[in-house]
Amino acid sequence: MADLSGLKGIDGLVGACLVDSDSGLVLGKEGGGEFDLDTAAAGNTEVIRAKRKTMNALGIDGGIEDILITLDDQYHLIRLLKSNDAIFLYVVLDKNKGNLGMARMVLKKVESTLDLSI
């Protein structure tokens, strides 16, 4: 499993995971508690697939850096890895405690430290 402990430093972190978008399987987790990260990972895999399909239909070249979903009381941030866009980091933040800009900075830093070799 990948080390996601660096994500603990994000204020308002509810949970986070590293996900294989080909299968929807979780490769590593941090936090989560009662929040079902496995179900969220599988569902957000579908979000990525839908966005890629739409981009293709519109003839939009390039990749997805991140996707933000804002709920009443949470931010859900999906960040595809630059080194392998089949893998993404998924972070859930408490909207009242979290800072989206700082969360993005921490995600980039943690991404740069990930070792996905087997």
PDB file of N, CA and C in Angstrom:
ATOM      1  N   MET A   1       0.840  -1.198   0.000  1.00  0.00           N
ATOM      2  CA  MET A   1       0.000   0.000   0.000  1.00  0.00           C
ATOM      3  C   MET A   1       0.880   1.255   0.000  1.00  0.00           C
ATOM      4  N   ALA A   2       0.385   2.286  -0.618  1.00  0.00           N
ATOM      5  CA  ALA A   2       1.101   3.553  -0.720  1.00  0.00           C
ATOM      6  C   ALA A   2       1.008   4.320   0.602  1.00  0.00           C
ATOM      7  N   ASP A   3       2.061   5.076   0.918  1.00  0.00           N
ATOM      8  CA  ASP A   3       2.083   5.887   2.139  1.00  0.00           C
ATOM      9  C   ASP A   3       1.417   7.230   1.883  1.00  0.00           C
ATOM     10  N   LEU A   4       0.260   7.418   2.486  1.00  0.00           N
ATOM     11  CA  LEU A   4      -0.483   8.663   2.339  1.00  0.00           C
ATOM     12  C   LEU A   4      -0.476   9.470   3.633  1.00  0.00           C
ATOM     13  N   SER A   5       0.413   9.141   4.555  1.00  0.00           N
ATOM     14  CA  SER A   5       0.427   9.803   5.867  1.00  0.00           C
ATOM     15  C   SER A   5       0.654  11.307   5.758  1.00  0.00           C
ATOM     16  N   GLY A   6       1.266  11.782   4.696  1.00  0.00           N
ATOM     17  CA  GLY A   6       1.483  13.211   4.507  1.00  0.00           C
ATOM     18  C   GLY A   6       0.183  13.989   4.365  1.00  0.00           C
ATOM     19  N   LEU A   7      -0.898  13.284   4.053  1.00  0.00           N
ATOM     20  CA  LEU A   7      -2.188  13.943   3.907  1.00  0.00           C
ATOM     21  C   LEU A   7      -2.823  14.289   5.254  1.00  0.00           C
ATOM     22  N   LYS A   8      -2.290  13.722   6.330  1.00  0.00           N
ATOM     23  CA  LYS A   8      -2.807  14.024   7.670  1.00  0.00           C
ATOM     24  C   LYS A   8      -2.699  15.510   7.983  1.00  0.00           C
ATOM     25  N   GLY A   9      -1.774  16.184   7.342  1.00  0.00           N
ATOM     26  CA  GLY A   9      -1.543  17.602   7.596  1.00  0.00           C
ATOM     27  C   GLY A   9      -2.588  18.525   6.996  1.00  0.00           C
ATOM     28  N   ILE A  10      -3.535  17.994   6.266  1.00  0.00           N
ATOM     29  CA  ILE A  10      -4.567  18.830   5.649  1.00  0.00           C
ATOM     30  C   ILE A  10      -5.647  19.124   6.692  1.00  0.00           C
ATOM     31  N   ASP A  11      -5.844  20.402   6.987  1.00  0.00           N
ATOM     32  CA  ASP A  11      -6.902  20.792   7.914  1.00  0.00           C
ATOM     33  C   ASP A  11      -8.258  20.343   7.387  1.00  0.00           C
ATOM     34  N   GLY A  12      -9.061  19.764   8.257  1.00  0.00           N
ATOM     35  CA  GLY A  12     -10.400  19.346   7.885  1.00  0.00           C
ATOM     36  C   GLY A  12     -10.473  18.031   7.143  1.00  0.00           C
ATOM     37  N   LEU A  13      -9.357  17.274   7.096  1.00  0.00           N
ATOM     38  CA  LEU A  13      -9.351  16.003   6.370  1.00  0.00           C
ATOM     39  C   LEU A  13     -10.355  15.029   6.986  1.00  0.00           C
ATOM     40  N   VAL A  14     -11.260  14.540   6.167  1.00  0.00           N
ATOM     41  CA  VAL A  14     -12.191  13.490   6.581  1.00  0.00           C
ATOM     42  C   VAL A  14     -11.581  12.142   6.227  1.00  0.00           C
ATOM     43  N   GLY A  15     -11.037  12.042   5.024  1.00  0.00           N
ATOM     44  CA  GLY A  15     -10.404  10.811   4.569  1.00  0.00           C
ATOM     45  C   GLY A  15      -9.810  11.013   3.194  1.00  0.00           C
ATOM     46  N   ALA A  16      -8.905  10.104   2.838  1.00  0.00           N
ATOM     47  CA  ALA A  16      -8.242  10.179   1.535  1.00  0.00           C
ATOM     48  C   ALA A  16      -7.844   8.781   1.106  1.00  0.00           C
ATOM     49  N   CYS A  17      -7.738   8.606  -0.200  1.00  0.00           N
ATOM     50  CA  CYS A  17      -7.255   7.329  -0.699  1.00  0.00           C
ATOM     51  C   CYS A  17      -6.601   7.503  -2.068  1.00  0.00           C
ATOM     52  N   LEU A  18      -5.802   6.520  -2.405  1.00  0.00           N
ATOM     53  CA  LEU A  18      -5.164   6.419  -3.712  1.00  0.00           C
ATOM     54  C   LEU A  18      -5.915   5.327  -4.456  1.00  0.00           C
ATOM     55  N   VAL A  19      -6.324   5.618  -5.697  1.00  0.00           N
ATOM     56  CA  VAL A  19      -7.239   4.729  -6.400  1.00  0.00           C
ATOM     57  C   VAL A  19      -6.734   4.400  -7.801  1.00  0.00           C
ATOM     58  N   ASP A  20      -6.912   3.151  -8.201  1.00  0.00           N
ATOM     59  CA  ASP A  20      -6.644   2.712  -9.567  1.00  0.00           C
ATOM     60  C   ASP A  20      -7.927   2.923 -10.366  1.00  0.00           C
ATOM     61  N   SER A  21      -7.914   3.865 -11.320  1.00  0.00           N
ATOM     62  CA  SER A  21      -9.138   4.185 -12.058  1.00  0.00           C
ATOM     63  C   SER A  21      -9.508   3.124 -13.091  1.00  0.00           C
ATOM     64  N   ASP A  22      -8.609   2.199 -13.382  1.00  0.00           N
ATOM     65  CA  ASP A  22      -8.961   1.107 -14.290  1.00  0.00           C
ATOM     66  C   ASP A  22      -9.898   0.110 -13.602  1.00  0.00           C
ATOM     67  N   SER A  23      -9.670  -0.105 -12.302  1.00  0.00           N
ATOM     68  CA  SER A  23     -10.459  -1.095 -11.564  1.00  0.00           C
ATOM     69  C   SER A  23     -11.363  -0.498 -10.494  1.00  0.00           C
ATOM     70  N   GLY A  24     -11.062   0.734 -10.048  1.00  0.00           N
ATOM     71  CA  GLY A  24     -11.804   1.336  -8.951  1.00  0.00           C
ATOM     72  C   GLY A  24     -11.332   0.894  -7.586  1.00  0.00           C
ATOM     73  N   LEU A  25     -10.240   0.121  -7.549  1.00  0.00           N
ATOM     74  CA  LEU A  25      -9.735  -0.407  -6.282  1.00  0.00           C
ATOM     75  C   LEU A  25      -8.854   0.591  -5.560  1.00  0.00           C
ATOM     76  N   VAL A  26      -8.958   0.587  -4.237  1.00  0.00           N
ATOM     77  CA  VAL A  26      -8.168   1.465  -3.374  1.00  0.00           C
ATOM     78  C   VAL A  26      -6.784   0.850  -3.182  1.00  0.00           C
ATOM     79  N   LEU A  27      -5.742   1.660  -3.407  1.00  0.00           N
ATOM     80  CA  LEU A  27      -4.351   1.214  -3.252  1.00  0.00           C
ATOM     81  C   LEU A  27      -3.756   1.644  -1.920  1.00  0.00           C
ATOM     82  N   GLY A  28      -4.399   2.594  -1.265  1.00  0.00           N
ATOM     83  CA  GLY A  28      -3.935   3.088   0.031  1.00  0.00           C
ATOM     84  C   GLY A  28      -4.971   4.036   0.603  1.00  0.00           C
ATOM     85  N   LYS A  29      -5.022   4.125   1.940  1.00  0.00           N
ATOM     86  CA  LYS A  29      -6.021   4.965   2.613  1.00  0.00           C
ATOM     87  C   LYS A  29      -5.386   5.747   3.746  1.00  0.00           C
ATOM     88  N   GLU A  30      -6.024   6.877   4.045  1.00  0.00           N
ATOM     89  CA  GLU A  30      -5.678   7.675   5.222  1.00  0.00           C
ATOM     90  C   GLU A  30      -6.989   8.195   5.796  1.00  0.00           C
ATOM     91  N   GLY A  31      -7.251   7.890   7.043  1.00  0.00           N
ATOM     92  CA  GLY A  31      -8.479   8.361   7.691  1.00  0.00           C
ATOM     93  C   GLY A  31      -9.699   7.681   7.115  1.00  0.00           C
ATOM     94  N   GLY A  32     -10.793   8.396   7.121  1.00  0.00           N
ATOM     95  CA  GLY A  32     -12.042   7.869   6.581  1.00  0.00           C
ATOM     96  C   GLY A  32     -13.077   7.644   7.662  1.00  0.00           C
ATOM     97  N   GLY A  33     -12.661   6.959   8.746  1.00  0.00           N
ATOM     98  CA  GLY A  33     -13.597   6.685   9.825  1.00  0.00           C
ATOM     99  C   GLY A  33     -14.863   6.039   9.293  1.00  0.00           C
ATOM    100  N   GLU A  34     -15.994   6.694   9.516  1.00  0.00           N
ATOM    101  CA  GLU A  34     -17.276   6.168   9.065  1.00  0.00           C
ATOM    102  C   GLU A  34     -17.533   6.469   7.585  1.00  0.00           C
ATOM    103  N   PHE A  35     -16.702   7.299   6.975  1.00  0.00           N
ATOM    104  CA  PHE A  35     -16.844   7.610   5.558  1.00  0.00           C
ATOM    105  C   PHE A  35     -16.317   6.426   4.753  1.00  0.00           C
ATOM    106  N   ASP A  36     -17.139   5.854   3.887  1.00  0.00           N
ATOM    107  CA  ASP A  36     -16.786   4.654   3.122  1.00  0.00           C
ATOM    108  C   ASP A  36     -15.925   5.028   1.910  1.00  0.00           C
ATOM    109  N   LEU A  37     -14.610   5.011   2.112  1.00  0.00           N
ATOM    110  CA  LEU A  37     -13.687   5.390   1.049  1.00  0.00           C
ATOM    111  C   LEU A  37     -13.709   4.411  -0.114  1.00  0.00           C
ATOM    112  N   ASP A  38     -13.965   3.145   0.146  1.00  0.00           N
ATOM    113  CA  ASP A  38     -13.988   2.155  -0.932  1.00  0.00           C
ATOM    114  C   ASP A  38     -15.142   2.419  -1.910  1.00  0.00           C
ATOM    115  N   THR A  39     -16.311   2.709  -1.372  1.00  0.00           N
ATOM    116  CA  THR A  39     -17.462   3.024  -2.223  1.00  0.00           C
ATOM    117  C   THR A  39     -17.237   4.329  -2.968  1.00  0.00           C
ATOM    118  N   ALA A  40     -16.690   5.325  -2.265  1.00  0.00           N
ATOM    119  CA  ALA A  40     -16.406   6.619  -2.892  1.00  0.00           C
ATOM    120  C   ALA A  40     -15.378   6.468  -4.016  1.00  0.00           C
ATOM    121  N   ALA A  41     -14.371   5.640  -3.797  1.00  0.00           N
ATOM    122  CA  ALA A  41     -13.343   5.417  -4.821  1.00  0.00           C
ATOM    123  C   ALA A  41     -13.953   4.824  -6.085  1.00  0.00           C
ATOM    124  N   ALA A  42     -14.797   3.822  -5.918  1.00  0.00           N
ATOM    125  CA  ALA A  42     -15.437   3.193  -7.074  1.00  0.00           C
ATOM    126  C   ALA A  42     -16.333   4.192  -7.806  1.00  0.00           C
ATOM    127  N   GLY A  43     -17.092   4.983  -7.062  1.00  0.00           N
ATOM    128  CA  GLY A  43     -17.971   5.974  -7.674  1.00  0.00           C
ATOM    129  C   GLY A  43     -17.216   7.061  -8.404  1.00  0.00           C
ATOM    130  N   ASN A  44     -16.109   7.518  -7.818  1.00  0.00           N
ATOM    131  CA  ASN A  44     -15.333   8.581  -8.454  1.00  0.00           C
ATOM    132  C   ASN A  44     -14.538   8.087  -9.646  1.00  0.00           C
ATOM    133  N   THR A  45     -14.314   6.793  -9.725  1.00  0.00           N
ATOM    134  CA  THR A  45     -13.737   6.207 -10.931  1.00  0.00           C
ATOM    135  C   THR A  45     -14.692   6.452 -12.100  1.00  0.00           C
ATOM    136  N   GLU A  46     -15.988   6.332 -11.841  1.00  0.00           N
ATOM    137  CA  GLU A  46     -16.989   6.596 -12.876  1.00  0.00           C
ATOM    138  C   GLU A  46     -17.021   8.076 -13.270  1.00  0.00           C
ATOM    139  N   VAL A  47     -16.787   8.963 -12.304  1.00  0.00           N
ATOM    140  CA  VAL A  47     -16.719  10.404 -12.594  1.00  0.00           C
ATOM    141  C   VAL A  47     -15.583  10.678 -13.582  1.00  0.00           C
ATOM    142  N   ILE A  48     -14.435  10.088 -13.331  1.00  0.00           N
ATOM    143  CA  ILE A  48     -13.282  10.283 -14.214  1.00  0.00           C
ATOM    144  C   ILE A  48     -13.567   9.719 -15.608  1.00  0.00           C
ATOM    145  N   ARG A  49     -14.139   8.536 -15.658  1.00  0.00           N
ATOM    146  CA  ARG A  49     -14.458   7.935 -16.958  1.00  0.00           C
ATOM    147  C   ARG A  49     -15.425   8.816 -17.747  1.00  0.00           C
ATOM    148  N   ALA A  50     -16.446   9.341 -17.056  1.00  0.00           N
ATOM    149  CA  ALA A  50     -17.425  10.202 -17.726  1.00  0.00           C
ATOM    150  C   ALA A  50     -16.777  11.482 -18.236  1.00  0.00           C
ATOM    151  N   LYS A  51     -15.888  12.077 -17.449  1.00  0.00           N
ATOM    152  CA  LYS A  51     -15.220  13.312 -17.867  1.00  0.00           C
ATOM    153  C   LYS A  51     -14.327  13.057 -19.072  1.00  0.00           C
ATOM    154  N   ARG A  52     -13.593  11.952 -19.050  1.00  0.00           N
ATOM    155  CA  ARG A  52     -12.737  11.621 -20.196  1.00  0.00           C
ATOM    156  C   ARG A  52     -13.562  11.382 -21.450  1.00  0.00           C
ATOM    157  N   LYS A  53     -14.683  10.708 -21.321  1.00  0.00           N
ATOM    158  CA  LYS A  53     -15.560  10.445 -22.462  1.00  0.00           C
ATOM    159  C   LYS A  53     -16.097  11.757 -23.031  1.00  0.00           C
ATOM    160  N   THR A  54     -16.492  12.663 -22.156  1.00  0.00           N
ATOM    161  CA  THR A  54     -16.998  13.962 -22.598  1.00  0.00           C
ATOM    162  C   THR A  54     -15.905  14.775 -23.279  1.00  0.00           C
ATOM    163  N   MET A  55     -14.705  14.786 -22.697  1.00  0.00           N
ATOM    164  CA  MET A  55     -13.582  15.510 -23.314  1.00  0.00           C
ATOM    165  C   MET A  55     -13.294  14.960 -24.707  1.00  0.00           C
ATOM    166  N   ASN A  56     -13.320  13.637 -24.832  1.00  0.00           N
ATOM    167  CA  ASN A  56     -13.073  12.999 -26.124  1.00  0.00           C
ATOM    168  C   ASN A  56     -14.143  13.403 -27.137  1.00  0.00           C
ATOM    169  N   ALA A  57     -15.410  13.392 -26.713  1.00  0.00           N
ATOM    170  CA  ALA A  57     -16.513  13.763 -27.605  1.00  0.00           C
ATOM    171  C   ALA A  57     -16.413  15.215 -28.053  1.00  0.00           C
ATOM    172  N   LEU A  58     -15.865  16.066 -27.201  1.00  0.00           N
ATOM    173  CA  LEU A  58     -15.716  17.486 -27.523  1.00  0.00           C
ATOM    174  C   LEU A  58     -14.403  17.798 -28.239  1.00  0.00           C
ATOM    175  N   GLY A  59     -13.550  16.773 -28.380  1.00  0.00           N
ATOM    176  CA  GLY A  59     -12.266  16.980 -29.033  1.00  0.00           C
ATOM    177  C   GLY A  59     -11.284  17.761 -28.186  1.00  0.00           C
ATOM    178  N   ILE A  60     -11.434  17.695 -26.876  1.00  0.00           N
ATOM    179  CA  ILE A  60     -10.529  18.403 -25.963  1.00  0.00           C
ATOM    180  C   ILE A  60      -9.299  17.543 -25.713  1.00  0.00           C
ATOM    181  N   ASP A  61      -8.132  18.071 -26.096  1.00  0.00           N
ATOM    182  CA  ASP A  61      -6.870  17.372 -25.867  1.00  0.00           C
ATOM    183  C   ASP A  61      -6.350  17.697 -24.468  1.00  0.00           C
ATOM    184  N   GLY A  62      -5.410  16.900 -24.021  1.00  0.00           N
ATOM    185  CA  GLY A  62      -4.803  17.140 -22.720  1.00  0.00           C
ATOM    186  C   GLY A  62      -5.403  16.238 -21.662  1.00  0.00           C
ATOM    187  N   GLY A  63      -4.881  16.405 -20.466  1.00  0.00           N
ATOM    188  CA  GLY A  63      -5.319  15.555 -19.373  1.00  0.00           C
ATOM    189  C   GLY A  63      -6.070  16.339 -18.323  1.00  0.00           C
ATOM    190  N   ILE A  64      -6.580  15.604 -17.368  1.00  0.00           N
ATOM    191  CA  ILE A  64      -7.283  16.187 -16.231  1.00  0.00           C
ATOM    192  C   ILE A  64      -6.277  16.381 -15.105  1.00  0.00           C
ATOM    193  N   GLU A  65      -6.188  17.594 -14.576  1.00  0.00           N
ATOM    194  CA  GLU A  65      -5.333  17.825 -13.407  1.00  0.00           C
ATOM    195  C   GLU A  65      -6.089  17.442 -12.143  1.00  0.00           C
ATOM    196  N   ASP A  66      -7.244  18.075 -11.942  1.00  0.00           N
ATOM    197  CA  ASP A  66      -8.071  17.678 -10.811  1.00  0.00           C
ATOM    198  C   ASP A  66      -9.529  17.990 -11.088  1.00  0.00           C
ATOM    199  N   ILE A  67     -10.379  17.385 -10.292  1.00  0.00           N
ATOM    200  CA  ILE A  67     -11.827  17.588 -10.358  1.00  0.00           C
ATOM    201  C   ILE A  67     -12.280  17.928  -8.947  1.00  0.00           C
ATOM    202  N   LEU A  68     -13.035  19.009  -8.817  1.00  0.00           N
ATOM    203  CA  LEU A  68     -13.546  19.432  -7.518  1.00  0.00           C
ATOM    204  C   LEU A  68     -15.058  19.276  -7.498  1.00  0.00           C
ATOM    205  N   ILE A  69     -15.547  18.619  -6.462  1.00  0.00           N
ATOM    206  CA  ILE A  69     -16.978  18.502  -6.232  1.00  0.00           C
ATOM    207  C   ILE A  69     -17.258  19.169  -4.896  1.00  0.00           C
ATOM    208  N   THR A  70     -18.102  20.190  -4.920  1.00  0.00           N
ATOM    209  CA  THR A  70     -18.417  20.935  -3.706  1.00  0.00           C
ATOM    210  C   THR A  70     -19.819  20.552  -3.244  1.00  0.00           C
ATOM    211  N   LEU A  71     -19.892  20.020  -2.031  1.00  0.00           N
ATOM    212  CA  LEU A  71     -21.162  19.672  -1.415  1.00  0.00           C
ATOM    213  C   LEU A  71     -21.500  20.720  -0.365  1.00  0.00           C
ATOM    214  N   ASP A  72     -22.647  20.596   0.269  1.00  0.00           N
ATOM    215  CA  ASP A  72     -23.047  21.562   1.292  1.00  0.00           C
ATOM    216  C   ASP A  72     -22.000  21.704   2.395  1.00  0.00           C
ATOM    217  N   ASP A  73     -21.445  20.569   2.833  1.00  0.00           N
ATOM    218  CA  ASP A  73     -20.520  20.629   3.970  1.00  0.00           C
ATOM    219  C   ASP A  73     -19.177  19.954   3.716  1.00  0.00           C
ATOM    220  N   GLN A  74     -18.921  19.564   2.478  1.00  0.00           N
ATOM    221  CA  GLN A  74     -17.661  18.892   2.161  1.00  0.00           C
ATOM    222  C   GLN A  74     -17.127  19.328   0.800  1.00  0.00           C
ATOM    223  N   TYR A  75     -15.796  19.224   0.672  1.00  0.00           N
ATOM    224  CA  TYR A  75     -15.132  19.301  -0.626  1.00  0.00           C
ATOM    225  C   TYR A  75     -14.649  17.896  -0.952  1.00  0.00           C
ATOM    226  N   HIS A  76     -14.830  17.475  -2.198  1.00  0.00           N
ATOM    227  CA  HIS A  76     -14.287  16.211  -2.684  1.00  0.00           C
ATOM    228  C   HIS A  76     -13.341  16.572  -3.818  1.00  0.00           C
ATOM    229  N   LEU A  77     -12.077  16.254  -3.641  1.00  0.00           N
ATOM    230  CA  LEU A  77     -11.048  16.611  -4.613  1.00  0.00           C
ATOM    231  C   LEU A  77     -10.443  15.340  -5.197  1.00  0.00           C
ATOM    232  N   ILE A  78     -10.468  15.262  -6.522  1.00  0.00           N
ATOM    233  CA  ILE A  78      -9.901  14.136  -7.259  1.00  0.00           C
ATOM    234  C   ILE A  78      -8.709  14.669  -8.040  1.00  0.00           C
ATOM    235  N   ARG A  79      -7.517  14.119  -7.789  1.00  0.00           N
ATOM    236  CA  ARG A  79      -6.306  14.583  -8.475  1.00  0.00           C
ATOM    237  C   ARG A  79      -5.633  13.401  -9.161  1.00  0.00           C
ATOM    238  N   LEU A  80      -5.563  13.460 -10.483  1.00  0.00           N
ATOM    239  CA  LEU A  80      -4.892  12.403 -11.226  1.00  0.00           C
ATOM    240  C   LEU A  80      -3.382  12.602 -11.146  1.00  0.00           C
ATOM    241  N   LEU A  81      -2.659  11.498 -11.002  1.00  0.00           N
ATOM    242  CA  LEU A  81      -1.204  11.591 -10.888  1.00  0.00           C
ATOM    243  C   LEU A  81      -0.583  11.927 -12.234  1.00  0.00           C
ATOM    244  N   LYS A  82       0.382  12.818 -12.211  1.00  0.00           N
ATOM    245  CA  LYS A  82       1.095  13.174 -13.446  1.00  0.00           C
ATOM    246  C   LYS A  82       1.906  11.986 -13.965  1.00  0.00           C
ATOM    247  N   SER A  83       2.435  11.183 -13.043  1.00  0.00           N
ATOM    248  CA  SER A  83       3.272  10.051 -13.421  1.00  0.00           C
ATOM    249  C   SER A  83       2.473   8.879 -13.986  1.00  0.00           C
ATOM    250  N   ASN A  84       1.177   8.826 -13.669  1.00  0.00           N
ATOM    251  CA  ASN A  84       0.332   7.734 -14.139  1.00  0.00           C
ATOM    252  C   ASN A  84      -1.122   8.174 -13.999  1.00  0.00           C
ATOM    253  N   ASP A  85      -1.732   8.641 -15.088  1.00  0.00           N
ATOM    254  CA  ASP A  85      -3.078   9.196 -14.980  1.00  0.00           C
ATOM    255  C   ASP A  85      -4.171   8.145 -14.818  1.00  0.00           C
ATOM    256  N   ALA A  86      -3.780   6.874 -14.697  1.00  0.00           N
ATOM    257  CA  ALA A  86      -4.738   5.831 -14.348  1.00  0.00           C
ATOM    258  C   ALA A  86      -4.920   5.759 -12.828  1.00  0.00           C
ATOM    259  N   ILE A  87      -4.079   6.462 -12.105  1.00  0.00           N
ATOM    260  CA  ILE A  87      -4.124   6.484 -10.637  1.00  0.00           C
ATOM    261  C   ILE A  87      -4.521   7.882 -10.192  1.00  0.00           C
ATOM    262  N   PHE A  88      -5.400   7.955  -9.182  1.00  0.00           N
ATOM    263  CA  PHE A  88      -5.765   9.262  -8.657  1.00  0.00           C
ATOM    264  C   PHE A  88      -5.811   9.283  -7.139  1.00  0.00           C
ATOM    265  N   LEU A  89      -5.564  10.465  -6.611  1.00  0.00           N
ATOM    266  CA  LEU A  89      -5.733  10.734  -5.191  1.00  0.00           C
ATOM    267  C   LEU A  89      -7.127  11.320  -5.000  1.00  0.00           C
ATOM    268  N   TYR A  90      -7.807  10.838  -3.994  1.00  0.00           N
ATOM    269  CA  TYR A  90      -9.151  11.313  -3.684  1.00  0.00           C
ATOM    270  C   TYR A  90      -9.165  11.779  -2.240  1.00  0.00           C
ATOM    271  N   VAL A  91      -9.574  13.016  -2.020  1.00  0.00           N
ATOM    272  CA  VAL A  91      -9.556  13.609  -0.684  1.00  0.00           C
ATOM    273  C   VAL A  91     -10.924  14.200  -0.370  1.00  0.00           C
ATOM    274  N   VAL A  92     -11.388  13.937   0.846  1.00  0.00           N
ATOM    275  CA  VAL A  92     -12.639  14.510   1.336  1.00  0.00           C
ATOM    276  C   VAL A  92     -12.293  15.449   2.480  1.00  0.00           C
ATOM    277  N   LEU A  93     -12.751  16.698   2.370  1.00  0.00           N
ATOM    278  CA  LEU A  93     -12.489  17.711   3.393  1.00  0.00           C
ATOM    279  C   LEU A  93     -13.790  18.224   3.983  1.00  0.00           C
ATOM    280  N   ASP A  94     -13.752  18.509   5.270  1.00  0.00           N
ATOM    281  CA  ASP A  94     -14.835  19.220   5.921  1.00  0.00           C
ATOM    282  C   ASP A  94     -14.764  20.656   5.410  1.00  0.00           C
ATOM    283  N   LYS A  95     -15.825  21.129   4.801  1.00  0.00           N
ATOM    284  CA  LYS A  95     -15.824  22.440   4.157  1.00  0.00           C
ATOM    285  C   LYS A  95     -15.586  23.584   5.141  1.00  0.00           C
ATOM    286  N   ASN A  96     -16.046  23.415   6.377  1.00  0.00           N
ATOM    287  CA  ASN A  96     -15.897  24.471   7.378  1.00  0.00           C
ATOM    288  C   ASN A  96     -14.508  24.523   8.008  1.00  0.00           C
ATOM    289  N   LYS A  97     -13.757  23.431   7.907  1.00  0.00           N
ATOM    290  CA  LYS A  97     -12.433  23.365   8.533  1.00  0.00           C
ATOM    291  C   LYS A  97     -11.287  23.355   7.521  1.00  0.00           C
ATOM    292  N   GLY A  98     -11.592  22.980   6.294  1.00  0.00           N
ATOM    293  CA  GLY A  98     -10.550  22.810   5.296  1.00  0.00           C
ATOM    294  C   GLY A  98     -10.274  24.063   4.488  1.00  0.00           C
ATOM    295  N   ASN A  99      -9.096  24.095   3.896  1.00  0.00           N
ATOM    296  CA  ASN A  99      -8.678  25.171   3.005  1.00  0.00           C
ATOM    297  C   ASN A  99      -8.307  24.508   1.686  1.00  0.00           C
ATOM    298  N   LEU A 100      -9.100  24.749   0.670  1.00  0.00           N
ATOM    299  CA  LEU A 100      -8.927  24.078  -0.604  1.00  0.00           C
ATOM    300  C   LEU A 100      -7.560  24.336  -1.236  1.00  0.00           C
ATOM    301  N   GLY A 101      -7.089  25.572  -1.173  1.00  0.00           N
ATOM    302  CA  GLY A 101      -5.778  25.901  -1.738  1.00  0.00           C
ATOM    303  C   GLY A 101      -4.654  25.146  -1.050  1.00  0.00           C
ATOM    304  N   MET A 102      -4.702  25.096   0.268  1.00  0.00           N
ATOM    305  CA  MET A 102      -3.675  24.358   1.019  1.00  0.00           C
ATOM    306  C   MET A 102      -3.768  22.857   0.737  1.00  0.00           C
ATOM    307  N   ALA A 103      -4.988  22.361   0.626  1.00  0.00           N
ATOM    308  CA  ALA A 103      -5.168  20.942   0.337  1.00  0.00           C
ATOM    309  C   ALA A 103      -4.527  20.585  -1.003  1.00  0.00           C
ATOM    310  N   ARG A 104      -4.711  21.433  -1.998  1.00  0.00           N
ATOM    311  CA  ARG A 104      -4.109  21.177  -3.309  1.00  0.00           C
ATOM    312  C   ARG A 104      -2.581  21.179  -3.222  1.00  0.00           C
ATOM    313  N   MET A 105      -2.033  22.089  -2.445  1.00  0.00           N
ATOM    314  CA  MET A 105      -0.574  22.135  -2.278  1.00  0.00           C
ATOM    315  C   MET A 105      -0.059  20.857  -1.623  1.00  0.00           C
ATOM    316  N   VAL A 106      -0.741  20.400  -0.579  1.00  0.00           N
ATOM    317  CA  VAL A 106      -0.323  19.175   0.109  1.00  0.00           C
ATOM    318  C   VAL A 106      -0.460  17.973  -0.823  1.00  0.00           C
ATOM    319  N   LEU A 107      -1.539  17.919  -1.592  1.00  0.00           N
ATOM    320  CA  LEU A 107      -1.721  16.817  -2.544  1.00  0.00           C
ATOM    321  C   LEU A 107      -0.567  16.736  -3.533  1.00  0.00           C
ATOM    322  N   LYS A 108      -0.154  17.882  -4.071  1.00  0.00           N
ATOM    323  CA  LYS A 108       0.973  17.897  -5.010  1.00  0.00           C
ATOM    324  C   LYS A 108       2.246  17.379  -4.345  1.00  0.00           C
ATOM    325  N   LYS A 109       2.460  17.796  -3.098  1.00  0.00           N
ATOM    326  CA  LYS A 109       3.655  17.358  -2.375  1.00  0.00           C
ATOM    327  C   LYS A 109       3.621  15.853  -2.123  1.00  0.00           C
ATOM    328  N   VAL A 110       2.490  15.338  -1.668  1.00  0.00           N
ATOM    329  CA  VAL A 110       2.370  13.901  -1.405  1.00  0.00           C
ATOM    330  C   VAL A 110       2.510  13.113  -2.712  1.00  0.00           C
ATOM    331  N   GLU A 111       1.928  13.631  -3.781  1.00  0.00           N
ATOM    332  CA  GLU A 111       2.047  12.961  -5.082  1.00  0.00           C
ATOM    333  C   GLU A 111       3.504  12.793  -5.462  1.00  0.00           C
ATOM    334  N   SER A 112       4.314  13.806  -5.212  1.00  0.00           N
ATOM    335  CA  SER A 112       5.732  13.738  -5.608  1.00  0.00           C
ATOM    336  C   SER A 112       6.519  12.720  -4.792  1.00  0.00           C
ATOM    337  N   THR A 113       5.997  12.291  -3.662  1.00  0.00           N
ATOM    338  CA  THR A 113       6.708  11.328  -2.814  1.00  0.00           C
ATOM    339  C   THR A 113       6.228   9.892  -2.995  1.00  0.00           C
ATOM    340  N   LEU A 114       5.150   9.703  -3.753  1.00  0.00           N
ATOM    341  CA  LEU A 114       4.595   8.360  -3.893  1.00  0.00           C
ATOM    342  C   LEU A 114       5.504   7.454  -4.693  1.00  0.00           C
ATOM    343  N   ASP A 115       5.679   6.248  -4.179  1.00  0.00           N
ATOM    344  CA  ASP A 115       6.431   5.211  -4.881  1.00  0.00           C
ATOM    345  C   ASP A 115       5.433   4.126  -5.226  1.00  0.00           C
ATOM    346  N   LEU A 116       5.066   4.034  -6.492  1.00  0.00           N
ATOM    347  CA  LEU A 116       4.051   3.069  -6.917  1.00  0.00           C
ATOM    348  C   LEU A 116       4.649   1.780  -7.449  1.00  0.00           C
ATOM    349  N   SER A 117       5.944   1.597  -7.282  1.00  0.00           N
ATOM    350  CA  SER A 117       6.564   0.362  -7.757  1.00  0.00           C
ATOM    351  C   SER A 117       6.200  -0.790  -6.826  1.00  0.00           C
ATOM    352  N   ILE A 118       6.147  -1.961  -7.417  1.00  0.00           N
ATOM    353  CA  ILE A 118       5.757  -3.153  -6.645  1.00  0.00           C
ATOM    354  C   ILE A 118       6.979  -3.834  -6.078  1.00  0.00           C
TER     355      ILE A 118
END
